[in-house]
Amino acid sequence: MKTITINVSEPVYADFQKYAREKDRPTSELIREAMEAYRETRIRPRPSVLDGAPASVGKVRRTWRSRGDLTGDLFDRSDDRD
């Protein structure tokens, strides 16, 4: 682990110290967690599946007539349709 020195305002540090005492945890641990949360959301965010463009998977084989068709296709393993 790398040791660093940072400058923070007294009120910010006091808030971290108070919260750390309430949770019975070291202040430094909370600050490390805060830095990691910032890193995960701002520096190295994970792409979401919703961010990608849709991909074509071919033509429609047959349309569903009802939601039951969908669940039947998903869970009925005895049906080997091509």
C-alpha atoms as a PDB file:
ATOM      1  CA  MET A   1       0.000   0.000   0.000  1.00  0.00           C
ATOM      2  CA  LYS A   2       1.280   3.461  -0.887  1.00  0.00           C
ATOM      3  CA  THR A   3       1.478   6.114   1.837  1.00  0.00           C
ATOM      4  CA  ILE A   4       0.389   9.582   0.688  1.00  0.00           C
ATOM      5  CA  THR A   5      -0.106  13.001   2.208  1.00  0.00           C
ATOM      6  CA  ILE A   6      -3.224  14.991   1.373  1.00  0.00           C
ATOM      7  CA  ASN A   7      -4.557  18.330   2.516  1.00  0.00           C
ATOM      8  CA  VAL A   8      -8.238  18.500   3.409  1.00  0.00           C
ATOM      9  CA  SER A   9     -10.276  21.127   5.188  1.00  0.00           C
ATOM     10  CA  GLU A  10     -10.782  20.726   8.917  1.00  0.00           C
ATOM     11  CA  PRO A  11     -14.587  20.313   8.608  1.00  0.00           C
ATOM     12  CA  VAL A  12     -14.251  17.539   6.015  1.00  0.00           C
ATOM     13  CA  TYR A  13     -11.702  15.656   8.108  1.00  0.00           C
ATOM     14  CA  ALA A  14     -13.787  16.154  11.250  1.00  0.00           C
ATOM     15  CA  ASP A  15     -16.789  14.621   9.478  1.00  0.00           C
ATOM     16  CA  PHE A  16     -14.721  11.588   8.478  1.00  0.00           C
ATOM     17  CA  GLN A  17     -13.390  11.222  12.019  1.00  0.00           C
ATOM     18  CA  LYS A  18     -16.859  11.459  13.562  1.00  0.00           C
ATOM     19  CA  TYR A  19     -18.313   8.938  11.140  1.00  0.00           C
ATOM     20  CA  ALA A  20     -15.362   6.594  11.688  1.00  0.00           C
ATOM     21  CA  ARG A  21     -15.903   6.702  15.473  1.00  0.00           C
ATOM     22  CA  GLU A  22     -19.621   5.971  15.000  1.00  0.00           C
ATOM     23  CA  LYS A  23     -18.821   2.956  12.851  1.00  0.00           C
ATOM     24  CA  ASP A  24     -15.852   1.863  14.997  1.00  0.00           C
ATOM     25  CA  ARG A  25     -13.510   1.998  12.004  1.00  0.00           C
ATOM     26  CA  PRO A  26     -10.273   3.821  11.251  1.00  0.00           C
ATOM     27  CA  THR A  27     -10.607   7.174   9.494  1.00  0.00           C
ATOM     28  CA  SER A  28      -7.938   6.141   6.999  1.00  0.00           C
ATOM     29  CA  GLU A  29     -10.029   3.125   5.984  1.00  0.00           C
ATOM     30  CA  LEU A  30     -13.029   5.335   5.228  1.00  0.00           C
ATOM     31  CA  ILE A  31     -10.877   7.683   3.167  1.00  0.00           C
ATOM     32  CA  ARG A  32      -9.454   4.732   1.183  1.00  0.00           C
ATOM     33  CA  GLU A  33     -13.001   3.508   0.518  1.00  0.00           C
ATOM     34  CA  ALA A  34     -14.053   6.993  -0.594  1.00  0.00           C
ATOM     35  CA  MET A  35     -11.086   7.160  -2.969  1.00  0.00           C
ATOM     36  CA  GLU A  36     -11.919   3.725  -4.389  1.00  0.00           C
ATOM     37  CA  ALA A  37     -15.569   4.692  -4.894  1.00  0.00           C
ATOM     38  CA  TYR A  38     -14.451   7.821  -6.759  1.00  0.00           C
ATOM     39  CA  ARG A  39     -12.081   5.732  -8.862  1.00  0.00           C
ATOM     40  CA  GLU A  40     -14.805   3.227  -9.768  1.00  0.00           C
ATOM     41  CA  THR A  41     -17.347   5.875 -10.774  1.00  0.00           C
ATOM     42  CA  ARG A  42     -15.168   8.568 -12.312  1.00  0.00           C
ATOM     43  CA  ILE A  43     -11.747   7.223 -13.332  1.00  0.00           C
ATOM     44  CA  ARG A  44     -12.481   3.615 -14.329  1.00  0.00           C
ATOM     45  CA  PRO A  45     -16.216   3.252 -14.680  1.00  0.00           C
ATOM     46  CA  ARG A  46     -17.417  -0.139 -15.858  1.00  0.00           C
ATOM     47  CA  PRO A  47     -19.372   0.020 -19.079  1.00  0.00           C
ATOM     48  CA  SER A  48     -23.012  -0.909 -18.802  1.00  0.00           C
ATOM     49  CA  VAL A  49     -24.708  -3.323 -21.170  1.00  0.00           C
ATOM     50  CA  LEU A  50     -27.133  -0.461 -21.797  1.00  0.00           C
ATOM     51  CA  ASP A  51     -24.292   1.685 -23.206  1.00  0.00           C
ATOM     52  CA  GLY A  52     -23.666  -0.634 -26.150  1.00  0.00           C
ATOM     53  CA  ALA A  53     -25.282  -0.479 -29.541  1.00  0.00           C
ATOM     54  CA  PRO A  54     -27.817  -3.180 -30.366  1.00  0.00           C
ATOM     55  CA  ALA A  55     -26.492  -6.065 -32.416  1.00  0.00           C
ATOM     56  CA  SER A  56     -28.308  -7.969 -35.096  1.00  0.00           C
ATOM     57  CA  VAL A  57     -28.616 -11.658 -34.379  1.00  0.00           C
ATOM     58  CA  GLY A  58     -30.270 -12.583 -37.640  1.00  0.00           C
ATOM     59  CA  LYS A  59     -33.795 -12.770 -38.931  1.00  0.00           C
ATOM     60  CA  VAL A  60     -36.884 -13.413 -36.836  1.00  0.00           C
ATOM     61  CA  ARG A  61     -37.594 -17.128 -36.887  1.00  0.00           C
ATOM     62  CA  ARG A  62     -41.192 -16.787 -35.749  1.00  0.00           C
ATOM     63  CA  THR A  63     -43.153 -14.199 -33.825  1.00  0.00           C
ATOM     64  CA  TRP A  64     -44.448 -14.786 -30.321  1.00  0.00           C
ATOM     65  CA  ARG A  65     -48.172 -14.846 -30.014  1.00  0.00           C
ATOM     66  CA  SER A  66     -48.200 -14.447 -26.243  1.00  0.00           C
ATOM     67  CA  ARG A  67     -45.927 -14.202 -23.247  1.00  0.00           C
ATOM     68  CA  GLY A  68     -46.582 -17.892 -22.687  1.00  0.00           C
ATOM     69  CA  ASP A  69     -44.786 -18.613 -25.966  1.00  0.00           C
ATOM     70  CA  LEU A  70     -41.734 -16.794 -24.636  1.00  0.00           C
ATOM     71  CA  THR A  71     -41.614 -18.618 -21.324  1.00  0.00           C
ATOM     72  CA  GLY A  72     -42.320 -21.899 -23.065  1.00  0.00           C
ATOM     73  CA  ASP A  73     -39.387 -21.320 -25.418  1.00  0.00           C
ATOM     74  CA  LEU A  74     -37.131 -20.413 -22.510  1.00  0.00           C
ATOM     75  CA  PHE A  75     -37.996 -23.261 -20.188  1.00  0.00           C
ATOM     76  CA  ASP A  76     -39.204 -26.135 -22.384  1.00  0.00           C
ATOM     77  CA  ARG A  77     -36.056 -28.125 -23.124  1.00  0.00           C
ATOM     78  CA  SER A  78     -37.890 -31.032 -24.764  1.00  0.00           C
ATOM     79  CA  ASP A  79     -38.833 -28.841 -27.758  1.00  0.00           C
ATOM     80  CA  ASP A  80     -35.982 -28.928 -30.296  1.00  0.00           C
ATOM     81  CA  ARG A  81     -37.143 -26.384 -32.870  1.00  0.00           C
ATOM     82  CA  ASP A  82     -34.784 -25.182 -35.570  1.00  0.00           C
END
